[in-house]
PDB file of N, CA and C in Angstrom:
ATOM      1  N   MET A   1     -15.038 -30.820  39.556  1.00  0.00           N
ATOM      2  CA  MET A   1     -13.856 -31.418  38.984  1.00  0.00           C
ATOM      3  C   MET A   1     -13.584 -32.743  39.676  1.00  0.00           C
ATOM      4  N   GLU A   2     -13.139 -33.659  38.875  1.00  0.00           N
ATOM      5  CA  GLU A   2     -12.716 -34.938  39.423  1.00  0.00           C
ATOM      6  C   GLU A   2     -11.194 -34.929  39.503  1.00  0.00           C
ATOM      7  N   TYR A   3     -10.662 -35.690  40.421  1.00  0.00           N
ATOM      8  CA  TYR A   3      -9.219 -35.756  40.556  1.00  0.00           C
ATOM      9  C   TYR A   3      -8.725 -37.100  40.078  1.00  0.00           C
ATOM     10  N   ILE A   4      -7.564 -37.072  39.424  1.00  0.00           N
ATOM     11  CA  ILE A   4      -6.974 -38.320  38.963  1.00  0.00           C
ATOM     12  C   ILE A   4      -5.640 -38.521  39.661  1.00  0.00           C
ATOM     13  N   GLY A   5      -5.157 -39.706  39.649  1.00  0.00           N
ATOM     14  CA  GLY A   5      -3.865 -39.986  40.258  1.00  0.00           C
ATOM     15  C   GLY A   5      -4.005 -40.230  41.745  1.00  0.00           C
ATOM     16  N   ASP A   6      -2.862 -40.280  42.423  1.00  0.00           N
ATOM     17  CA  ASP A   6      -2.919 -40.527  43.861  1.00  0.00           C
ATOM     18  C   ASP A   6      -3.280 -39.237  44.604  1.00  0.00           C
ATOM     19  N   GLU A   7      -3.582 -39.345  45.861  1.00  0.00           N
ATOM     20  CA  GLU A   7      -4.070 -38.209  46.644  1.00  0.00           C
ATOM     21  C   GLU A   7      -3.003 -37.139  46.849  1.00  0.00           C
ATOM     22  N   ARG A   8      -1.736 -37.495  46.752  1.00  0.00           N
ATOM     23  CA  ARG A   8      -0.679 -36.500  46.968  1.00  0.00           C
ATOM     24  C   ARG A   8      -0.645 -35.469  45.839  1.00  0.00           C
ATOM     25  N   ARG A   9      -0.950 -35.847  44.648  1.00  0.00           N
ATOM     26  CA  ARG A   9      -0.805 -34.957  43.494  1.00  0.00           C
ATOM     27  C   ARG A   9      -2.038 -34.098  43.279  1.00  0.00           C
ATOM     28  N   HIS A  10      -3.198 -34.583  43.483  1.00  0.00           N
ATOM     29  CA  HIS A  10      -4.450 -33.860  43.308  1.00  0.00           C
ATOM     30  C   HIS A  10      -4.524 -33.139  41.957  1.00  0.00           C
ATOM     31  N   LEU A  11      -4.291 -33.843  40.888  1.00  0.00           N
ATOM     32  CA  LEU A  11      -4.394 -33.247  39.557  1.00  0.00           C
ATOM     33  C   LEU A  11      -5.844 -33.310  39.096  1.00  0.00           C
ATOM     34  N   PRO A  12      -6.420 -32.167  38.784  1.00  0.00           N
ATOM     35  CA  PRO A  12      -7.815 -32.186  38.359  1.00  0.00           C
ATOM     36  C   PRO A  12      -7.938 -32.639  36.907  1.00  0.00           C
ATOM     37  N   GLN A  13      -8.991 -33.356  36.638  1.00  0.00           N
ATOM     38  CA  GLN A  13      -9.312 -33.735  35.269  1.00  0.00           C
ATOM     39  C   GLN A  13     -10.416 -32.787  34.811  1.00  0.00           C
ATOM     40  N   LEU A  14     -10.174 -32.083  33.751  1.00  0.00           N
ATOM     41  CA  LEU A  14     -11.121 -31.075  33.289  1.00  0.00           C
ATOM     42  C   LEU A  14     -12.298 -31.732  32.582  1.00  0.00           C
ATOM     43  N   THR A  15     -13.476 -31.248  32.928  1.00  0.00           N
ATOM     44  CA  THR A  15     -14.669 -31.720  32.251  1.00  0.00           C
ATOM     45  C   THR A  15     -14.905 -30.824  31.029  1.00  0.00           C
ATOM     46  N   GLU A  16     -15.839 -31.221  30.193  1.00  0.00           N
ATOM     47  CA  GLU A  16     -16.176 -30.428  28.998  1.00  0.00           C
ATOM     48  C   GLU A  16     -16.668 -29.039  29.406  1.00  0.00           C
ATOM     49  N   GLU A  17     -17.399 -28.969  30.486  1.00  0.00           N
ATOM     50  CA  GLU A  17     -17.888 -27.682  30.992  1.00  0.00           C
ATOM     51  C   GLU A  17     -16.730 -26.782  31.431  1.00  0.00           C
ATOM     52  N   ASP A  18     -15.736 -27.378  32.105  1.00  0.00           N
ATOM     53  CA  ASP A  18     -14.556 -26.616  32.524  1.00  0.00           C
ATOM     54  C   ASP A  18     -13.806 -26.058  31.309  1.00  0.00           C
ATOM     55  N   VAL A  19     -13.661 -26.888  30.289  1.00  0.00           N
ATOM     56  CA  VAL A  19     -12.962 -26.469  29.073  1.00  0.00           C
ATOM     57  C   VAL A  19     -13.712 -25.319  28.412  1.00  0.00           C
ATOM     58  N   ASP A  20     -15.042 -25.409  28.354  1.00  0.00           N
ATOM     59  CA  ASP A  20     -15.850 -24.337  27.753  1.00  0.00           C
ATOM     60  C   ASP A  20     -15.703 -23.035  28.539  1.00  0.00           C
ATOM     61  N   LYS A  21     -15.696 -23.109  29.862  1.00  0.00           N
ATOM     62  CA  LYS A  21     -15.532 -21.904  30.683  1.00  0.00           C
ATOM     63  C   LYS A  21     -14.175 -21.253  30.437  1.00  0.00           C
ATOM     64  N   ILE A  22     -13.144 -22.071  30.391  1.00  0.00           N
ATOM     65  CA  ILE A  22     -11.793 -21.544  30.158  1.00  0.00           C
ATOM     66  C   ILE A  22     -11.701 -20.921  28.770  1.00  0.00           C
ATOM     67  N   ALA A  23     -12.247 -21.606  27.759  1.00  0.00           N
ATOM     68  CA  ALA A  23     -12.204 -21.090  26.390  1.00  0.00           C
ATOM     69  C   ALA A  23     -12.956 -19.771  26.285  1.00  0.00           C
ATOM     70  N   SER A  24     -14.102 -19.665  26.942  1.00  0.00           N
ATOM     71  CA  SER A  24     -14.876 -18.422  26.914  1.00  0.00           C
ATOM     72  C   SER A  24     -14.112 -17.285  27.580  1.00  0.00           C
ATOM     73  N   ALA A  25     -13.465 -17.567  28.696  1.00  0.00           N
ATOM     74  CA  ALA A  25     -12.697 -16.538  29.409  1.00  0.00           C
ATOM     75  C   ALA A  25     -11.510 -16.069  28.573  1.00  0.00           C
ATOM     76  N   VAL A  26     -10.815 -17.000  27.936  1.00  0.00           N
ATOM     77  CA  VAL A  26      -9.665 -16.642  27.100  1.00  0.00           C
ATOM     78  C   VAL A  26     -10.122 -15.819  25.902  1.00  0.00           C
ATOM     79  N   ALA A  27     -11.229 -16.222  25.266  1.00  0.00           N
ATOM     80  CA  ALA A  27     -11.747 -15.488  24.101  1.00  0.00           C
ATOM     81  C   ALA A  27     -12.166 -14.076  24.505  1.00  0.00           C
ATOM     82  N   ARG A  28     -12.807 -13.933  25.646  1.00  0.00           N
ATOM     83  CA  ARG A  28     -13.234 -12.610  26.109  1.00  0.00           C
ATOM     84  C   ARG A  28     -12.024 -11.708  26.356  1.00  0.00           C
ATOM     85  N   LYS A  29     -11.006 -12.245  27.021  1.00  0.00           N
ATOM     86  CA  LYS A  29      -9.784 -11.467  27.298  1.00  0.00           C
ATOM     87  C   LYS A  29      -9.087 -11.080  25.992  1.00  0.00           C
ATOM     88  N   ALA A  30      -9.053 -11.983  25.021  1.00  0.00           N
ATOM     89  CA  ALA A  30      -8.398 -11.698  23.746  1.00  0.00           C
ATOM     90  C   ALA A  30      -9.134 -10.575  23.011  1.00  0.00           C
ATOM     91  N   ARG A  31     -10.465 -10.601  23.021  1.00  0.00           N
ATOM     92  CA  ARG A  31     -11.246  -9.533  22.376  1.00  0.00           C
ATOM     93  C   ARG A  31     -10.993  -8.197  23.052  1.00  0.00           C
ATOM     94  N   GLU A  32     -10.937  -8.197  24.374  1.00  0.00           N
ATOM     95  CA  GLU A  32     -10.694  -6.953  25.107  1.00  0.00           C
ATOM     96  C   GLU A  32      -9.291  -6.417  24.826  1.00  0.00           C
ATOM     97  N   ALA A  33      -8.314  -7.312  24.755  1.00  0.00           N
ATOM     98  CA  ALA A  33      -6.922  -6.892  24.564  1.00  0.00           C
ATOM     99  C   ALA A  33      -6.671  -6.363  23.158  1.00  0.00           C
ATOM    100  N   PHE A  34      -7.364  -6.890  22.170  1.00  0.00           N
ATOM    101  CA  PHE A  34      -7.103  -6.531  20.786  1.00  0.00           C
ATOM    102  C   PHE A  34      -8.225  -5.713  20.156  1.00  0.00           C
ATOM    103  N   HIS A  35      -9.081  -5.125  20.972  1.00  0.00           N
ATOM    104  CA  HIS A  35     -10.184  -4.326  20.441  1.00  0.00           C
ATOM    105  C   HIS A  35      -9.641  -3.079  19.751  1.00  0.00           C
ATOM    106  N   ILE A  36     -10.144  -2.814  18.555  1.00  0.00           N
ATOM    107  CA  ILE A  36      -9.748  -1.637  17.787  1.00  0.00           C
ATOM    108  C   ILE A  36     -10.989  -0.787  17.578  1.00  0.00           C
ATOM    109  N   GLU A  37     -10.875   0.485  17.907  1.00  0.00           N
ATOM    110  CA  GLU A  37     -12.006   1.385  17.705  1.00  0.00           C
ATOM    111  C   GLU A  37     -12.220   1.579  16.211  1.00  0.00           C
ATOM    112  N   ASP A  38     -13.491   1.492  15.789  1.00  0.00           N
ATOM    113  CA  ASP A  38     -13.817   1.556  14.368  1.00  0.00           C
ATOM    114  C   ASP A  38     -13.382   2.868  13.732  1.00  0.00           C
ATOM    115  N   GLU A  39     -13.669   3.988  14.387  1.00  0.00           N
ATOM    116  CA  GLU A  39     -13.346   5.286  13.804  1.00  0.00           C
ATOM    117  C   GLU A  39     -11.833   5.481  13.712  1.00  0.00           C
ATOM    118  N   LYS A  40     -11.110   5.077  14.739  1.00  0.00           N
ATOM    119  CA  LYS A  40      -9.651   5.201  14.712  1.00  0.00           C
ATOM    120  C   LYS A  40      -9.067   4.316  13.612  1.00  0.00           C
ATOM    121  N   HIS A  41      -9.596   3.134  13.470  1.00  0.00           N
ATOM    122  CA  HIS A  41      -9.131   2.209  12.436  1.00  0.00           C
ATOM    123  C   HIS A  41      -9.357   2.814  11.047  1.00  0.00           C
ATOM    124  N   TYR A  42     -10.536   3.385  10.831  1.00  0.00           N
ATOM    125  CA  TYR A  42     -10.867   4.021   9.550  1.00  0.00           C
ATOM    126  C   TYR A  42      -9.922   5.192   9.290  1.00  0.00           C
ATOM    127  N   ASN A  43      -9.706   6.044  10.292  1.00  0.00           N
ATOM    128  CA  ASN A  43      -8.818   7.199  10.127  1.00  0.00           C
ATOM    129  C   ASN A  43      -7.380   6.761   9.848  1.00  0.00           C
ATOM    130  N   ASP A  44      -6.946   5.685  10.479  1.00  0.00           N
ATOM    131  CA  ASP A  44      -5.596   5.172  10.214  1.00  0.00           C
ATOM    132  C   ASP A  44      -5.460   4.730   8.760  1.00  0.00           C
ATOM    133  N   HIS A  45      -6.497   4.098   8.242  1.00  0.00           N
ATOM    134  CA  HIS A  45      -6.468   3.680   6.837  1.00  0.00           C
ATOM    135  C   HIS A  45      -6.449   4.890   5.906  1.00  0.00           C
ATOM    136  N   GLN A  46      -7.201   5.915   6.250  1.00  0.00           N
ATOM    137  CA  GLN A  46      -7.198   7.135   5.438  1.00  0.00           C
ATOM    138  C   GLN A  46      -5.797   7.747   5.423  1.00  0.00           C
ATOM    139  N   ARG A  47      -5.158   7.789   6.565  1.00  0.00           N
ATOM    140  CA  ARG A  47      -3.806   8.339   6.674  1.00  0.00           C
ATOM    141  C   ARG A  47      -2.821   7.504   5.851  1.00  0.00           C
ATOM    142  N   LEU A  48      -2.948   6.183   5.913  1.00  0.00           N
ATOM    143  CA  LEU A  48      -2.075   5.317   5.124  1.00  0.00           C
ATOM    144  C   LEU A  48      -2.305   5.509   3.630  1.00  0.00           C
ATOM    145  N   ASP A  49      -3.561   5.681   3.228  1.00  0.00           N
ATOM    146  CA  ASP A  49      -3.863   5.930   1.814  1.00  0.00           C
ATOM    147  C   ASP A  49      -3.194   7.212   1.339  1.00  0.00           C
ATOM    148  N   ARG A  50      -3.258   8.267   2.144  1.00  0.00           N
ATOM    149  CA  ARG A  50      -2.616   9.534   1.775  1.00  0.00           C
ATOM    150  C   ARG A  50      -1.102   9.357   1.693  1.00  0.00           C
ATOM    151  N   LEU A  51      -0.529   8.598   2.611  1.00  0.00           N
ATOM    152  CA  LEU A  51       0.908   8.353   2.604  1.00  0.00           C
ATOM    153  C   LEU A  51       1.322   7.601   1.339  1.00  0.00           C
ATOM    154  N   LEU A  52       0.560   6.580   0.968  1.00  0.00           N
ATOM    155  CA  LEU A  52       0.872   5.830  -0.247  1.00  0.00           C
ATOM    156  C   LEU A  52       0.716   6.685  -1.495  1.00  0.00           C
ATOM    157  N   ASP A  53      -0.310   7.545  -1.524  1.00  0.00           N
ATOM    158  CA  ASP A  53      -0.476   8.461  -2.656  1.00  0.00           C
ATOM    159  C   ASP A  53       0.713   9.401  -2.765  1.00  0.00           C
ATOM    160  N   SER A  54       1.175   9.922  -1.642  1.00  0.00           N
ATOM    161  CA  SER A  54       2.344  10.811  -1.633  1.00  0.00           C
ATOM    162  C   SER A  54       3.581  10.078  -2.119  1.00  0.00           C
ATOM    163  N   TYR A  55       3.739   8.844  -1.696  1.00  0.00           N
ATOM    164  CA  TYR A  55       4.886   8.041  -2.131  1.00  0.00           C
ATOM    165  C   TYR A  55       4.853   7.833  -3.642  1.00  0.00           C
ATOM    166  N   GLU A  56       3.684   7.484  -4.184  1.00  0.00           N
ATOM    167  CA  GLU A  56       3.557   7.279  -5.624  1.00  0.00           C
ATOM    168  C   GLU A  56       3.848   8.560  -6.387  1.00  0.00           C
ATOM    169  N   THR A  57       3.345   9.683  -5.888  1.00  0.00           N
ATOM    170  CA  THR A  57       3.591  10.972  -6.538  1.00  0.00           C
ATOM    171  C   THR A  57       5.082  11.283  -6.533  1.00  0.00           C
ATOM    172  N   ALA A  58       5.741  11.107  -5.406  1.00  0.00           N
ATOM    173  CA  ALA A  58       7.173  11.376  -5.314  1.00  0.00           C
ATOM    174  C   ALA A  58       7.960  10.456  -6.237  1.00  0.00           C
ATOM    175  N   THR A  59       7.588   9.199  -6.300  1.00  0.00           N
ATOM    176  CA  THR A  59       8.267   8.249  -7.175  1.00  0.00           C
ATOM    177  C   THR A  59       8.121   8.664  -8.635  1.00  0.00           C
ATOM    178  N   ASN A  60       6.909   9.069  -9.031  1.00  0.00           N
ATOM    179  CA  ASN A  60       6.686   9.510 -10.410  1.00  0.00           C
ATOM    180  C   ASN A  60       7.523  10.748 -10.731  1.00  0.00           C
ATOM    181  N   ILE A  61       7.576  11.689  -9.803  1.00  0.00           N
ATOM    182  CA  ILE A  61       8.359  12.909 -10.029  1.00  0.00           C
ATOM    183  C   ILE A  61       9.841  12.565 -10.187  1.00  0.00           C
ATOM    184  N   ILE A  62      10.341  11.678  -9.349  1.00  0.00           N
ATOM    185  CA  ILE A  62      11.760  11.299  -9.422  1.00  0.00           C
ATOM    186  C   ILE A  62      12.068  10.636 -10.763  1.00  0.00           C
ATOM    187  N   TRP A  63      11.220   9.691 -11.195  1.00  0.00           N
ATOM    188  CA  TRP A  63      11.471   9.007 -12.470  1.00  0.00           C
ATOM    189  C   TRP A  63      11.381   9.982 -13.644  1.00  0.00           C
ATOM    190  N   LYS A  64      10.419  10.877 -13.602  1.00  0.00           N
ATOM    191  CA  LYS A  64      10.292  11.858 -14.687  1.00  0.00           C
ATOM    192  C   LYS A  64      11.495  12.789 -14.713  1.00  0.00           C
ATOM    193  N   THR A  65      12.013  13.168 -13.550  1.00  0.00           N
ATOM    194  CA  THR A  65      13.193  14.023 -13.473  1.00  0.00           C
ATOM    195  C   THR A  65      14.415  13.302 -14.045  1.00  0.00           C
ATOM    196  N   ILE A  66      14.593  12.040 -13.656  1.00  0.00           N
ATOM    197  CA  ILE A  66      15.730  11.261 -14.173  1.00  0.00           C
ATOM    198  C   ILE A  66      15.628  11.127 -15.689  1.00  0.00           C
ATOM    199  N   LEU A  67      14.454  10.785 -16.201  1.00  0.00           N
ATOM    200  CA  LEU A  67      14.255  10.647 -17.643  1.00  0.00           C
ATOM    201  C   LEU A  67      14.505  11.978 -18.351  1.00  0.00           C
ATOM    202  N   GLY A  68      14.018  13.076 -17.765  1.00  0.00           N
ATOM    203  CA  GLY A  68      14.239  14.406 -18.343  1.00  0.00           C
ATOM    204  C   GLY A  68      15.715  14.753 -18.393  1.00  0.00           C
ATOM    205  N   LEU A  69      16.456  14.442 -17.319  1.00  0.00           N
ATOM    206  CA  LEU A  69      17.899  14.714 -17.304  1.00  0.00           C
ATOM    207  C   LEU A  69      18.634  13.881 -18.355  1.00  0.00           C
ATOM    208  N   ILE A  70      18.222  12.654 -18.534  1.00  0.00           N
ATOM    209  CA  ILE A  70      18.831  11.809 -19.571  1.00  0.00           C
ATOM    210  C   ILE A  70      18.592  12.413 -20.951  1.00  0.00           C
ATOM    211  N   ILE A  71      17.368  12.848 -21.216  1.00  0.00           N
ATOM    212  CA  ILE A  71      17.045  13.448 -22.517  1.00  0.00           C
ATOM    213  C   ILE A  71      17.843  14.730 -22.731  1.00  0.00           C
ATOM    214  N   VAL A  72      17.881  15.593 -21.713  1.00  0.00           N
ATOM    215  CA  VAL A  72      18.640  16.844 -21.821  1.00  0.00           C
ATOM    216  C   VAL A  72      20.119  16.528 -22.052  1.00  0.00           C
ATOM    217  N   GLY A  73      20.664  15.562 -21.348  1.00  0.00           N
ATOM    218  CA  GLY A  73      22.059  15.154 -21.536  1.00  0.00           C
ATOM    219  C   GLY A  73      22.319  14.674 -22.951  1.00  0.00           C
ATOM    220  N   MET A  74      21.377  13.894 -23.486  1.00  0.00           N
ATOM    221  CA  MET A  74      21.540  13.401 -24.856  1.00  0.00           C
ATOM    222  C   MET A  74      21.507  14.560 -25.856  1.00  0.00           C
ATOM    223  N   VAL A  75      20.631  15.525 -25.649  1.00  0.00           N
ATOM    224  CA  VAL A  75      20.545  16.688 -26.543  1.00  0.00           C
ATOM    225  C   VAL A  75      21.839  17.498 -26.465  1.00  0.00           C
ATOM    226  N   ILE A  76      22.353  17.693 -25.254  1.00  0.00           N
ATOM    227  CA  ILE A  76      23.607  18.439 -25.094  1.00  0.00           C
ATOM    228  C   ILE A  76      24.754  17.715 -25.794  1.00  0.00           C
ATOM    229  N   ILE A  77      24.852  16.413 -25.596  1.00  0.00           N
ATOM    230  CA  ILE A  77      25.912  15.636 -26.247  1.00  0.00           C
ATOM    231  C   ILE A  77      25.765  15.699 -27.763  1.00  0.00           C
ATOM    232  N   ALA A  78      24.524  15.595 -28.255  1.00  0.00           N
ATOM    233  CA  ALA A  78      24.294  15.693 -29.709  1.00  0.00           C
ATOM    234  C   ALA A  78      24.676  17.074 -30.211  1.00  0.00           C
ATOM    235  N   GLY A  79      24.368  18.117 -29.437  1.00  0.00           N
ATOM    236  CA  GLY A  79      24.738  19.479 -29.840  1.00  0.00           C
ATOM    237  C   GLY A  79      26.235  19.667 -29.881  1.00  0.00           C
ATOM    238  N   ILE A  80      26.940  19.145 -28.886  1.00  0.00           N
ATOM    239  CA  ILE A  80      28.408  19.221 -28.870  1.00  0.00           C
ATOM    240  C   ILE A  80      28.985  18.500 -30.068  1.00  0.00           C
ATOM    241  N   GLY A  81      28.441  17.336 -30.342  1.00  0.00           N
ATOM    242  CA  GLY A  81      28.916  16.558 -31.484  1.00  0.00           C
ATOM    243  C   GLY A  81      28.675  17.288 -32.797  1.00  0.00           C
ATOM    244  N   ALA A  82      27.496  17.905 -32.936  1.00  0.00           N
ATOM    245  CA  ALA A  82      27.174  18.633 -34.166  1.00  0.00           C
ATOM    246  C   ALA A  82      28.065  19.855 -34.328  1.00  0.00           C
ATOM    247  N   SER A  83      28.380  20.539 -33.213  1.00  0.00           N
ATOM    248  CA  SER A  83      29.221  21.733 -33.319  1.00  0.00           C
ATOM    249  C   SER A  83      30.670  21.392 -33.658  1.00  0.00           C
ATOM    250  N   LYS A  84      31.103  20.202 -33.330  1.00  0.00           N
ATOM    251  CA  LYS A  84      32.467  19.764 -33.622  1.00  0.00           C
ATOM    252  C   LYS A  84      32.564  19.141 -35.014  1.00  0.00           C
ATOM    253  N   GLY A  85      31.444  19.010 -35.664  1.00  0.00           N
ATOM    254  CA  GLY A  85      31.448  18.460 -37.028  1.00  0.00           C
ATOM    255  C   GLY A  85      31.395  16.957 -37.071  1.00  0.00           C
ATOM    256  N   ILE A  86      31.037  16.308 -35.952  1.00  0.00           N
ATOM    257  CA  ILE A  86      30.915  14.844 -35.948  1.00  0.00           C
ATOM    258  C   ILE A  86      29.510  14.496 -36.408  1.00  0.00           C
ATOM    259  N   LYS A  87      29.455  13.592 -37.397  1.00  0.00           N
ATOM    260  CA  LYS A  87      28.149  13.232 -37.954  1.00  0.00           C
ATOM    261  C   LYS A  87      27.754  11.854 -37.528  1.00  0.00           C
TER     262      LYS A  87
END
């Protein structure tokens, strides 16, 4: 390393080699910190897929139930109206 400025400060000037070493060290640490095991990652996706399927199934059941209740309500109201002689 070369130093720039006056002798009191001793600020190093980074060479291209120094920058490459630092970049390699940072990249290695980042890979180690964020490493995801392949099998665990795959299993997590499988679990998420099952969760989304369950959500879709529950949503469909809820909408079908609401629609069914609306239809039953309409039939009941029509029956009440017919029994009272309203046409």
